[in-house]
């Protein structure tokens, strides 16, 4: 498992992953209706937010993003096949730090 900071080119894959989660899955279309578009996420990552992802063999399997201006966890998502492996806990810790 490889953990690293989220880069702007990761954002489309993150949005797609968000719709594949077991808990609170939200499709790209639903996110866009809420104003959460790739461009907006990239803007947040350049300004107030920071995030980390976990990749296995080059495929993103989970990610977390926090809002540094408020200290709030914005999102944490892990694919169902990778739940129970400590990925979410590690991502949360990285975002908190």
PDB file of N, CA and C in Angstrom:
ATOM      1  N   UNK A   1       0.847  -1.181   0.000  1.00  0.00           N
ATOM      2  CA  UNK A   1       0.000   0.000   0.000  1.00  0.00           C
ATOM      3  C   UNK A   1       0.884   1.233   0.000  1.00  0.00           C
ATOM      4  N   UNK A   2       0.548   2.166  -0.850  1.00  0.00           N
ATOM      5  CA  UNK A   2       1.305   3.398  -0.982  1.00  0.00           C
ATOM      6  C   UNK A   2       0.409   4.571  -0.579  1.00  0.00           C
ATOM      7  N   UNK A   3       0.858   5.341   0.398  1.00  0.00           N
ATOM      8  CA  UNK A   3       0.139   6.531   0.843  1.00  0.00           C
ATOM      9  C   UNK A   3       0.899   7.755   0.348  1.00  0.00           C
ATOM     10  N   UNK A   4       0.152   8.727  -0.191  1.00  0.00           N
ATOM     11  CA  UNK A   4       0.772   9.971  -0.639  1.00  0.00           C
ATOM     12  C   UNK A   4      -0.266  11.081  -0.660  1.00  0.00           C
ATOM     13  N   UNK A   5       0.245  12.322  -0.746  1.00  0.00           N
ATOM     14  CA  UNK A   5      -0.647  13.470  -0.845  1.00  0.00           C
ATOM     15  C   UNK A   5      -1.409  13.427  -2.166  1.00  0.00           C
ATOM     16  N   UNK A   6      -2.626  13.906  -2.119  1.00  0.00           N
ATOM     17  CA  UNK A   6      -3.456  13.986  -3.322  1.00  0.00           C
ATOM     18  C   UNK A   6      -2.925  15.093  -4.223  1.00  0.00           C
ATOM     19  N   UNK A   7      -2.870  14.793  -5.514  1.00  0.00           N
ATOM     20  CA  UNK A   7      -2.485  15.771  -6.530  1.00  0.00           C
ATOM     21  C   UNK A   7      -3.709  16.082  -7.393  1.00  0.00           C
ATOM     22  N   UNK A   8      -3.676  17.200  -8.070  1.00  0.00           N
ATOM     23  CA  UNK A   8      -4.849  17.621  -8.848  1.00  0.00           C
ATOM     24  C   UNK A   8      -5.248  16.590  -9.903  1.00  0.00           C
ATOM     25  N   UNK A   9      -4.292  15.893 -10.488  1.00  0.00           N
ATOM     26  CA  UNK A   9      -4.636  14.909 -11.513  1.00  0.00           C
ATOM     27  C   UNK A   9      -5.317  13.664 -10.937  1.00  0.00           C
ATOM     28  N   UNK A  10      -5.332  13.496  -9.616  1.00  0.00           N
ATOM     29  CA  UNK A  10      -6.015  12.384  -8.953  1.00  0.00           C
ATOM     30  C   UNK A  10      -7.517  12.627  -8.814  1.00  0.00           C
ATOM     31  N   UNK A  11      -7.943  13.871  -8.880  1.00  0.00           N
ATOM     32  CA  UNK A  11      -9.310  14.242  -8.516  1.00  0.00           C
ATOM     33  C   UNK A  11     -10.398  13.488  -9.295  1.00  0.00           C
ATOM     34  N   UNK A  12     -10.302  13.327 -10.613  1.00  0.00           N
ATOM     35  CA  UNK A  12     -11.357  12.563 -11.299  1.00  0.00           C
ATOM     36  C   UNK A  12     -11.502  11.134 -10.752  1.00  0.00           C
ATOM     37  N   UNK A  13     -10.386  10.483 -10.448  1.00  0.00           N
ATOM     38  CA  UNK A  13     -10.448   9.130  -9.890  1.00  0.00           C
ATOM     39  C   UNK A  13     -11.056   9.132  -8.490  1.00  0.00           C
ATOM     40  N   UNK A  14     -10.787  10.170  -7.719  1.00  0.00           N
ATOM     41  CA  UNK A  14     -11.348  10.264  -6.366  1.00  0.00           C
ATOM     42  C   UNK A  14     -12.869  10.412  -6.440  1.00  0.00           C
ATOM     43  N   UNK A  15     -13.323  11.240  -7.356  1.00  0.00           N
ATOM     44  CA  UNK A  15     -14.767  11.437  -7.503  1.00  0.00           C
ATOM     45  C   UNK A  15     -15.437  10.138  -7.934  1.00  0.00           C
ATOM     46  N   UNK A  16     -14.808   9.398  -8.830  1.00  0.00           N
ATOM     47  CA  UNK A  16     -15.360   8.102  -9.251  1.00  0.00           C
ATOM     48  C   UNK A  16     -15.371   7.110  -8.089  1.00  0.00           C
ATOM     49  N   UNK A  17     -14.306   7.090  -7.302  1.00  0.00           N
ATOM     50  CA  UNK A  17     -14.231   6.191  -6.151  1.00  0.00           C
ATOM     51  C   UNK A  17     -15.327   6.491  -5.149  1.00  0.00           C
ATOM     52  N   UNK A  18     -15.637   7.748  -4.966  1.00  0.00           N
ATOM     53  CA  UNK A  18     -16.659   8.168  -3.988  1.00  0.00           C
ATOM     54  C   UNK A  18     -18.002   7.509  -4.251  1.00  0.00           C
ATOM     55  N   UNK A  19     -18.303   7.243  -5.495  1.00  0.00           N
ATOM     56  CA  UNK A  19     -19.560   6.596  -5.842  1.00  0.00           C
ATOM     57  C   UNK A  19     -19.554   5.090  -5.671  1.00  0.00           C
ATOM     58  N   UNK A  20     -18.402   4.520  -5.346  1.00  0.00           N
ATOM     59  CA  UNK A  20     -18.274   3.070  -5.218  1.00  0.00           C
ATOM     60  C   UNK A  20     -18.139   2.598  -3.778  1.00  0.00           C
ATOM     61  N   UNK A  21     -18.269   3.510  -2.829  1.00  0.00           N
ATOM     62  CA  UNK A  21     -18.106   3.144  -1.425  1.00  0.00           C
ATOM     63  C   UNK A  21     -19.357   2.454  -0.890  1.00  0.00           C
ATOM     64  N   UNK A  22     -19.173   1.719   0.190  1.00  0.00           N
ATOM     65  CA  UNK A  22     -20.308   1.036   0.818  1.00  0.00           C
ATOM     66  C   UNK A  22     -21.141   2.027   1.641  1.00  0.00           C
ATOM     67  N   UNK A  23     -20.477   2.890   2.366  1.00  0.00           N
ATOM     68  CA  UNK A  23     -21.150   3.857   3.233  1.00  0.00           C
ATOM     69  C   UNK A  23     -21.313   5.188   2.498  1.00  0.00           C
ATOM     70  N   UNK A  24     -22.530   5.646   2.371  1.00  0.00           N
ATOM     71  CA  UNK A  24     -22.802   6.976   1.850  1.00  0.00           C
ATOM     72  C   UNK A  24     -22.212   7.220   0.456  1.00  0.00           C
ATOM     73  N   UNK A  25     -22.400   6.263  -0.440  1.00  0.00           N
ATOM     74  CA  UNK A  25     -21.905   6.422  -1.812  1.00  0.00           C
ATOM     75  C   UNK A  25     -22.638   7.569  -2.496  1.00  0.00           C
ATOM     76  N   UNK A  26     -21.875   8.419  -3.175  1.00  0.00           N
ATOM     77  CA  UNK A  26     -22.444   9.559  -3.891  1.00  0.00           C
ATOM     78  C   UNK A  26     -21.808   9.588  -5.281  1.00  0.00           C
ATOM     79  N   UNK A  27     -22.619   9.540  -6.307  1.00  0.00           N
ATOM     80  CA  UNK A  27     -22.115   9.521  -7.681  1.00  0.00           C
ATOM     81  C   UNK A  27     -21.534  10.878  -8.072  1.00  0.00           C
ATOM     82  N   UNK A  28     -20.794  10.869  -9.170  1.00  0.00           N
ATOM     83  CA  UNK A  28     -20.230  12.109  -9.698  1.00  0.00           C
ATOM     84  C   UNK A  28     -21.334  13.114 -10.019  1.00  0.00           C
ATOM     85  N   UNK A  29     -22.445  12.617 -10.542  1.00  0.00           N
ATOM     86  CA  UNK A  29     -23.570  13.499 -10.878  1.00  0.00           C
ATOM     87  C   UNK A  29     -24.178  14.122  -9.624  1.00  0.00           C
ATOM     88  N   UNK A  30     -24.331  13.310  -8.576  1.00  0.00           N
ATOM     89  CA  UNK A  30     -24.881  13.828  -7.318  1.00  0.00           C
ATOM     90  C   UNK A  30     -23.926  14.844  -6.692  1.00  0.00           C
ATOM     91  N   UNK A  31     -22.639  14.562  -6.749  1.00  0.00           N
ATOM     92  CA  UNK A  31     -21.659  15.517  -6.214  1.00  0.00           C
ATOM     93  C   UNK A  31     -21.725  16.835  -6.987  1.00  0.00           C
ATOM     94  N   UNK A  32     -21.806  16.744  -8.309  1.00  0.00           N
ATOM     95  CA  UNK A  32     -21.884  17.959  -9.128  1.00  0.00           C
ATOM     96  C   UNK A  32     -23.117  18.774  -8.786  1.00  0.00           C
ATOM     97  N   UNK A  33     -24.229  18.090  -8.515  1.00  0.00           N
ATOM     98  CA  UNK A  33     -25.454  18.795  -8.134  1.00  0.00           C
ATOM     99  C   UNK A  33     -25.282  19.529  -6.809  1.00  0.00           C
ATOM    100  N   UNK A  34     -24.374  19.043  -5.979  1.00  0.00           N
ATOM    101  CA  UNK A  34     -24.060  19.696  -4.703  1.00  0.00           C
ATOM    102  C   UNK A  34     -22.968  20.755  -4.851  1.00  0.00           C
ATOM    103  N   UNK A  35     -22.489  20.944  -6.084  1.00  0.00           N
ATOM    104  CA  UNK A  35     -21.435  21.926  -6.331  1.00  0.00           C
ATOM    105  C   UNK A  35     -20.036  21.384  -6.148  1.00  0.00           C
ATOM    106  N   UNK A  36     -19.918  20.073  -5.992  1.00  0.00           N
ATOM    107  CA  UNK A  36     -18.605  19.459  -5.803  1.00  0.00           C
ATOM    108  C   UNK A  36     -18.165  18.880  -7.143  1.00  0.00           C
ATOM    109  N   UNK A  37     -17.422  19.685  -7.872  1.00  0.00           N
ATOM    110  CA  UNK A  37     -16.930  19.324  -9.194  1.00  0.00           C
ATOM    111  C   UNK A  37     -15.416  19.127  -9.134  1.00  0.00           C
ATOM    112  N   UNK A  38     -14.832  18.500 -10.145  1.00  0.00           N
ATOM    113  CA  UNK A  38     -13.370  18.385 -10.146  1.00  0.00           C
ATOM    114  C   UNK A  38     -12.671  19.742  -9.998  1.00  0.00           C
ATOM    115  N   UNK A  39     -13.156  20.748 -10.706  1.00  0.00           N
ATOM    116  CA  UNK A  39     -12.532  22.076 -10.623  1.00  0.00           C
ATOM    117  C   UNK A  39     -12.605  22.639  -9.205  1.00  0.00           C
ATOM    118  N   UNK A  40     -13.731  22.457  -8.546  1.00  0.00           N
ATOM    119  CA  UNK A  40     -13.874  22.979  -7.180  1.00  0.00           C
ATOM    120  C   UNK A  40     -12.957  22.231  -6.211  1.00  0.00           C
ATOM    121  N   UNK A  41     -12.896  20.911  -6.349  1.00  0.00           N
ATOM    122  CA  UNK A  41     -12.023  20.124  -5.469  1.00  0.00           C
ATOM    123  C   UNK A  41     -10.568  20.538  -5.668  1.00  0.00           C
ATOM    124  N   UNK A  42     -10.163  20.705  -6.908  1.00  0.00           N
ATOM    125  CA  UNK A  42      -8.789  21.142  -7.194  1.00  0.00           C
ATOM    126  C   UNK A  42      -8.527  22.504  -6.571  1.00  0.00           C
ATOM    127  N   UNK A  43      -9.492  23.404  -6.664  1.00  0.00           N
ATOM    128  CA  UNK A  43      -9.347  24.726  -6.045  1.00  0.00           C
ATOM    129  C   UNK A  43      -9.207  24.602  -4.534  1.00  0.00           C
ATOM    130  N   UNK A  44     -10.038  23.768  -3.912  1.00  0.00           N
ATOM    131  CA  UNK A  44      -9.925  23.552  -2.463  1.00  0.00           C
ATOM    132  C   UNK A  44      -8.541  23.019  -2.098  1.00  0.00           C
ATOM    133  N   UNK A  45      -8.043  22.064  -2.887  1.00  0.00           N
ATOM    134  CA  UNK A  45      -6.733  21.476  -2.589  1.00  0.00           C
ATOM    135  C   UNK A  45      -5.601  22.489  -2.746  1.00  0.00           C
ATOM    136  N   UNK A  46      -5.821  23.494  -3.549  1.00  0.00           N
ATOM    137  CA  UNK A  46      -4.805  24.550  -3.731  1.00  0.00           C
ATOM    138  C   UNK A  46      -4.881  25.612  -2.639  1.00  0.00           C
ATOM    139  N   UNK A  47      -6.004  25.663  -1.937  1.00  0.00           N
ATOM    140  CA  UNK A  47      -6.201  26.749  -0.963  1.00  0.00           C
ATOM    141  C   UNK A  47      -6.385  26.223   0.455  1.00  0.00           C
ATOM    142  N   UNK A  48      -7.562  25.775   0.804  1.00  0.00           N
ATOM    143  CA  UNK A  48      -7.886  25.473   2.203  1.00  0.00           C
ATOM    144  C   UNK A  48      -7.823  24.003   2.592  1.00  0.00           C
ATOM    145  N   UNK A  49      -7.882  23.098   1.635  1.00  0.00           N
ATOM    146  CA  UNK A  49      -7.976  21.675   1.939  1.00  0.00           C
ATOM    147  C   UNK A  49      -6.669  20.946   1.613  1.00  0.00           C
ATOM    148  N   UNK A  50      -6.495  19.806   2.279  1.00  0.00           N
ATOM    149  CA  UNK A  50      -5.365  18.930   1.972  1.00  0.00           C
ATOM    150  C   UNK A  50      -5.842  17.497   2.123  1.00  0.00           C
ATOM    151  N   UNK A  51      -5.311  16.616   1.285  1.00  0.00           N
ATOM    152  CA  UNK A  51      -5.753  15.236   1.363  1.00  0.00           C
ATOM    153  C   UNK A  51      -4.661  14.243   1.056  1.00  0.00           C
ATOM    154  N   UNK A  52      -4.943  13.015   1.422  1.00  0.00           N
ATOM    155  CA  UNK A  52      -4.041  11.892   1.216  1.00  0.00           C
ATOM    156  C   UNK A  52      -4.826  10.766   0.574  1.00  0.00           C
ATOM    157  N   UNK A  53      -4.116   9.924  -0.172  1.00  0.00           N
ATOM    158  CA  UNK A  53      -4.747   8.759  -0.760  1.00  0.00           C
ATOM    159  C   UNK A  53      -3.917   7.521  -0.496  1.00  0.00           C
ATOM    160  N   UNK A  54      -4.553   6.386  -0.683  1.00  0.00           N
ATOM    161  CA  UNK A  54      -3.897   5.097  -0.601  1.00  0.00           C
ATOM    162  C   UNK A  54      -4.070   4.417  -1.946  1.00  0.00           C
ATOM    163  N   UNK A  55      -2.969   3.948  -2.516  1.00  0.00           N
ATOM    164  CA  UNK A  55      -3.018   3.234  -3.789  1.00  0.00           C
ATOM    165  C   UNK A  55      -2.411   1.846  -3.608  1.00  0.00           C
ATOM    166  N   UNK A  56      -3.002   0.885  -4.278  1.00  0.00           N
ATOM    167  CA  UNK A  56      -2.494  -0.477  -4.299  1.00  0.00           C
ATOM    168  C   UNK A  56      -2.244  -0.832  -5.760  1.00  0.00           C
ATOM    169  N   UNK A  57      -1.001  -1.146  -6.067  1.00  0.00           N
ATOM    170  CA  UNK A  57      -0.607  -1.470  -7.442  1.00  0.00           C
ATOM    171  C   UNK A  57      -1.070  -0.401  -8.427  1.00  0.00           C
ATOM    172  N   UNK A  58      -0.938   0.855  -8.011  1.00  0.00           N
ATOM    173  CA  UNK A  58      -1.270   1.983  -8.869  1.00  0.00           C
ATOM    174  C   UNK A  58      -2.734   2.377  -8.926  1.00  0.00           C
ATOM    175  N   UNK A  59      -3.594   1.627  -8.244  1.00  0.00           N
ATOM    176  CA  UNK A  59      -5.024   1.935  -8.225  1.00  0.00           C
ATOM    177  C   UNK A  59      -5.400   2.566  -6.888  1.00  0.00           C
ATOM    178  N   UNK A  60      -6.085   3.702  -6.933  1.00  0.00           N
ATOM    179  CA  UNK A  60      -6.518   4.370  -5.704  1.00  0.00           C
ATOM    180  C   UNK A  60      -7.627   3.555  -5.063  1.00  0.00           C
ATOM    181  N   UNK A  61      -7.428   3.220  -3.786  1.00  0.00           N
ATOM    182  CA  UNK A  61      -8.424   2.405  -3.069  1.00  0.00           C
ATOM    183  C   UNK A  61      -9.068   3.162  -1.915  1.00  0.00           C
ATOM    184  N   UNK A  62      -8.541   4.333  -1.587  1.00  0.00           N
ATOM    185  CA  UNK A  62      -9.118   5.139  -0.523  1.00  0.00           C
ATOM    186  C   UNK A  62      -8.488   6.515  -0.486  1.00  0.00           C
ATOM    187  N   UNK A  63      -9.208   7.448   0.124  1.00  0.00           N
ATOM    188  CA  UNK A  63      -8.672   8.802   0.265  1.00  0.00           C
ATOM    189  C   UNK A  63      -9.400   9.523   1.387  1.00  0.00           C
ATOM    190  N   UNK A  64      -8.766  10.582   1.861  1.00  0.00           N
ATOM    191  CA  UNK A  64      -9.367  11.449   2.873  1.00  0.00           C
ATOM    192  C   UNK A  64      -8.903  12.873   2.608  1.00  0.00           C
ATOM    193  N   UNK A  65      -9.811  13.821   2.840  1.00  0.00           N
ATOM    194  CA  UNK A  65      -9.511  15.240   2.652  1.00  0.00           C
ATOM    195  C   UNK A  65     -10.035  16.001   3.862  1.00  0.00           C
ATOM    196  N   UNK A  66      -9.236  16.929   4.352  1.00  0.00           N
ATOM    197  CA  UNK A  66      -9.642  17.771   5.461  1.00  0.00           C
ATOM    198  C   UNK A  66      -9.559  19.240   5.096  1.00  0.00           C
ATOM    199  N   UNK A  67     -10.351  20.038   5.765  1.00  0.00           N
ATOM    200  CA  UNK A  67     -10.376  21.490   5.582  1.00  0.00           C
ATOM    201  C   UNK A  67      -9.488  22.117   6.646  1.00  0.00           C
ATOM    202  N   UNK A  68      -8.327  22.582   6.223  1.00  0.00           N
ATOM    203  CA  UNK A  68      -7.377  23.169   7.156  1.00  0.00           C
ATOM    204  C   UNK A  68      -7.852  24.464   7.779  1.00  0.00           C
ATOM    205  N   UNK A  69      -8.799  25.145   7.139  1.00  0.00           N
ATOM    206  CA  UNK A  69      -9.270  26.417   7.690  1.00  0.00           C
ATOM    207  C   UNK A  69     -10.232  26.208   8.860  1.00  0.00           C
ATOM    208  N   UNK A  70     -10.885  25.044   8.906  1.00  0.00           N
ATOM    209  CA  UNK A  70     -11.830  24.769   9.993  1.00  0.00           C
ATOM    210  C   UNK A  70     -11.422  23.583  10.867  1.00  0.00           C
ATOM    211  N   UNK A  71     -10.476  22.777  10.367  1.00  0.00           N
ATOM    212  CA  UNK A  71     -10.084  21.576  11.090  1.00  0.00           C
ATOM    213  C   UNK A  71     -11.051  20.419  10.898  1.00  0.00           C
ATOM    214  N   UNK A  72     -11.977  20.565   9.961  1.00  0.00           N
ATOM    215  CA  UNK A  72     -13.016  19.562   9.744  1.00  0.00           C
ATOM    216  C   UNK A  72     -12.574  18.522   8.713  1.00  0.00           C
ATOM    217  N   UNK A  73     -12.908  17.245   8.992  1.00  0.00           N
ATOM    218  CA  UNK A  73     -12.719  16.195   8.006  1.00  0.00           C
ATOM    219  C   UNK A  73     -13.793  16.383   6.953  1.00  0.00           C
ATOM    220  N   UNK A  74     -13.412  16.555   5.713  1.00  0.00           N
ATOM    221  CA  UNK A  74     -14.355  16.822   4.637  1.00  0.00           C
ATOM    222  C   UNK A  74     -14.911  15.526   4.072  1.00  0.00           C
ATOM    223  N   UNK A  75     -14.026  14.552   3.832  1.00  0.00           N
ATOM    224  CA  UNK A  75     -14.461  13.265   3.287  1.00  0.00           C
ATOM    225  C   UNK A  75     -13.413  12.201   3.584  1.00  0.00           C
ATOM    226  N   UNK A  76     -13.896  10.995   3.804  1.00  0.00           N
ATOM    227  CA  UNK A  76     -13.032   9.825   3.877  1.00  0.00           C
ATOM    228  C   UNK A  76     -13.776   8.707   3.158  1.00  0.00           C
ATOM    229  N   UNK A  77     -13.089   8.019   2.264  1.00  0.00           N
ATOM    230  CA  UNK A  77     -13.732   6.989   1.454  1.00  0.00           C
ATOM    231  C   UNK A  77     -12.742   5.859   1.190  1.00  0.00           C
ATOM    232  N   UNK A  78     -13.219   4.628   1.336  1.00  0.00           N
ATOM    233  CA  UNK A  78     -12.414   3.436   1.069  1.00  0.00           C
ATOM    234  C   UNK A  78     -13.285   2.456   0.294  1.00  0.00           C
ATOM    235  N   UNK A  79     -12.724   1.869  -0.753  1.00  0.00           N
ATOM    236  CA  UNK A  79     -13.469   0.874  -1.520  1.00  0.00           C
ATOM    237  C   UNK A  79     -13.825  -0.322  -0.638  1.00  0.00           C
ATOM    238  N   UNK A  80     -14.999  -0.905  -0.829  1.00  0.00           N
ATOM    239  CA  UNK A  80     -15.447  -2.017   0.015  1.00  0.00           C
ATOM    240  C   UNK A  80     -14.449  -3.180   0.112  1.00  0.00           C
ATOM    241  N   UNK A  81     -13.787  -3.536  -0.982  1.00  0.00           N
ATOM    242  CA  UNK A  81     -12.841  -4.656  -0.953  1.00  0.00           C
ATOM    243  C   UNK A  81     -11.603  -4.374  -0.110  1.00  0.00           C
ATOM    244  N   UNK A  82     -11.413  -3.125   0.305  1.00  0.00           N
ATOM    245  CA  UNK A  82     -10.229  -2.756   1.078  1.00  0.00           C
ATOM    246  C   UNK A  82     -10.573  -2.312   2.494  1.00  0.00           C
ATOM    247  N   UNK A  83     -11.831  -2.441   2.876  1.00  0.00           N
ATOM    248  CA  UNK A  83     -12.236  -2.120   4.245  1.00  0.00           C
ATOM    249  C   UNK A  83     -11.622  -3.128   5.219  1.00  0.00           C
ATOM    250  N   UNK A  84     -11.433  -2.691   6.453  1.00  0.00           N
ATOM    251  CA  UNK A  84     -10.935  -3.585   7.493  1.00  0.00           C
ATOM    252  C   UNK A  84      -9.441  -3.837   7.450  1.00  0.00           C
ATOM    253  N   UNK A  85      -8.714  -3.060   6.679  1.00  0.00           N
ATOM    254  CA  UNK A  85      -7.262  -3.223   6.572  1.00  0.00           C
ATOM    255  C   UNK A  85      -6.497  -2.067   7.210  1.00  0.00           C
ATOM    256  N   UNK A  86      -7.210  -1.160   7.866  1.00  0.00           N
ATOM    257  CA  UNK A  86      -6.560  -0.030   8.511  1.00  0.00           C
ATOM    258  C   UNK A  86      -6.310   1.159   7.606  1.00  0.00           C
ATOM    259  N   UNK A  87      -6.783   1.087   6.373  1.00  0.00           N
ATOM    260  CA  UNK A  87      -6.549   2.177   5.423  1.00  0.00           C
ATOM    261  C   UNK A  87      -7.239   3.456   5.871  1.00  0.00           C
ATOM    262  N   UNK A  88      -8.502   3.365   6.240  1.00  0.00           N
ATOM    263  CA  UNK A  88      -9.242   4.547   6.688  1.00  0.00           C
ATOM    264  C   UNK A  88      -8.604   5.185   7.905  1.00  0.00           C
ATOM    265  N   UNK A  89      -8.172   4.367   8.847  1.00  0.00           N
ATOM    266  CA  UNK A  89      -7.525   4.895  10.056  1.00  0.00           C
ATOM    267  C   UNK A  89      -6.233   5.616   9.716  1.00  0.00           C
ATOM    268  N   UNK A  90      -5.452   5.035   8.824  1.00  0.00           N
ATOM    269  CA  UNK A  90      -4.190   5.664   8.441  1.00  0.00           C
ATOM    270  C   UNK A  90      -4.441   6.967   7.699  1.00  0.00           C
ATOM    271  N   UNK A  91      -5.421   6.967   6.797  1.00  0.00           N
ATOM    272  CA  UNK A  91      -5.740   8.198   6.053  1.00  0.00           C
ATOM    273  C   UNK A  91      -6.214   9.293   7.004  1.00  0.00           C
ATOM    274  N   UNK A  92      -7.063   8.929   7.954  1.00  0.00           N
ATOM    275  CA  UNK A  92      -7.540   9.898   8.934  1.00  0.00           C
ATOM    276  C   UNK A  92      -6.370  10.493   9.709  1.00  0.00           C
ATOM    277  N   UNK A  93      -5.450   9.656  10.127  1.00  0.00           N
ATOM    278  CA  UNK A  93      -4.282  10.126  10.870  1.00  0.00           C
ATOM    279  C   UNK A  93      -3.438  11.083  10.032  1.00  0.00           C
ATOM    280  N   UNK A  94      -3.235  10.757   8.752  1.00  0.00           N
ATOM    281  CA  UNK A  94      -2.463  11.628   7.886  1.00  0.00           C
ATOM    282  C   UNK A  94      -3.128  12.989   7.715  1.00  0.00           C
ATOM    283  N   UNK A  95      -4.437  13.000   7.547  1.00  0.00           N
ATOM    284  CA  UNK A  95      -5.156  14.265   7.385  1.00  0.00           C
ATOM    285  C   UNK A  95      -5.118  15.069   8.683  1.00  0.00           C
ATOM    286  N   UNK A  96      -5.285  14.399   9.816  1.00  0.00           N
ATOM    287  CA  UNK A  96      -5.251  15.110  11.103  1.00  0.00           C
ATOM    288  C   UNK A  96      -3.915  15.764  11.357  1.00  0.00           C
ATOM    289  N   UNK A  97      -2.844  15.099  10.968  1.00  0.00           N
ATOM    290  CA  UNK A  97      -1.496  15.646  11.199  1.00  0.00           C
ATOM    291  C   UNK A  97      -1.176  16.747  10.212  1.00  0.00           C
TER     292      UNK A  97
END
